[in-house]
Amino acid sequence: MAATSDLLTIEKRKTFVIGSRKSELALKQTYIVRDKLESLFPQYEFKIETMSTTGDKILNQALSKIGEKALFTKELEIALEKGSVDFVVHSLKDLPTVLPEGMLLGAIMEREDPNDALVLNEKNKNQTLNTLPAGSVIGTSSLRRVAQLKRRYPHLTFTDVRKFVRIVCPGWMEWGLKDMAFFKLVMLNRLFCRNTRLAKLDDVSGPYSGIILAVAGLSRLGKGDRISKILEPSDSLHAVSQGALGIECREQDKDVQKLLEALNHDNTRITCLSERALMRTLEGGCSVPIGVNTKLDLENNTLWMHGLVASLDGQNVVECKHEISLADAETRCQRELLAEGLGTTVANMLCKDGADKILDELRHHHS
């Protein structure tokens, strides 16, 4: 993180506009960024402009079936390109590894716990994935989680929790929705009923015994107390850059870059750039079953990565582990290049062992 005293004074700009998705979690994350900037730079004003993305609007389909990249970022990047916002806040796991021309990743903030979490309903609160009755339904919107957990817990049924079949809002209303036939009702649901995935889990007439969500998201929403168990990497390797916030800005906007540099967390940046290089080399996206676990050992100055690619049914899994030394890197830039090299190396090792064939089959499946 750069010292704020090293930043040049920005004389002509007093207000900066931050782009954000409208979802509750996205806004919570944007508030984290805004509050940090306000504490570092009280001389400037930071406003938030919200918008809905494709991924926010299409709620009756699994992410993998929508058939587009940048599901949660495209509209934000269009606003950034047009200049209606000065920078945008992303869950870094949602940000494509190849940015539009003229854009760059201005900052990666300190990472929360990157792991997945199991949240069980009241009836099953003393259970585990291993002890849940056969046929118990676990909700998740991630192919990565399904592919890994199916292999380890074949007695469970995993289903997409994004689909709106029945939504319960205590104190408000109860609706039955099928295939998003009533768009206006869904919009009302967004206004009056937050944390709909948890609401589905808590619906006593619903199908879910539990759901799998990111630890970081639950924590930022103040719902960390709902976590029944944090999943170990042996259960589920996390998504690329999960738990980290990325801030995207225009390449030509040096004023914004100077501000954002103060938000960078170097250790998080090293691990996330390495993971993004893995995904970029595999040409995957946030809806592809690619899992990763990366560890930066500051004492020994090494970076270690465990990468995984799995088929949809979890029966075909390719994984590998590799470690590099960062001792010869004298600058942050050199460390980042070495880190990206690790991600590329692990991706190539995975492909050599058959991951490319799995990914080709997945692309054919979704085409």
Foldseek 3Di string as FASTA:
>chain_A
DDDLVPFDDDPPAAEFEEEFEPAPLGVLVVVVVLVVLCVSCVSHHYHYDYDHFQLRQQLADQPLQVPDALRGHPVVVVCQVVPVGFKYKDLVQRDALDDPPQKDFLAKFDFDPQFKFKFFEPVQLVDDLQRDAFAAEEEDSALQLQLLQCVVRVSYHYDHLSRQQWFDDPPPDTDGDDSCPDVVVVVVCSVRPHPRSVRQNHPPPHRHRIYMDTCLSCVSVVNNVRGSGTDDVNRGFGGQSGRMMIMMGGPPPVNVSSSRVVRHDLVSLLQNLLSSLLCVLLVHGRRFNKGKDWDQDPVQQKIKMKIKHGASSNPDIFIDIDMDHPVPPPDSVSSNVVSSVNSNVRNVVRVVVPRSVRVVVSVVVND
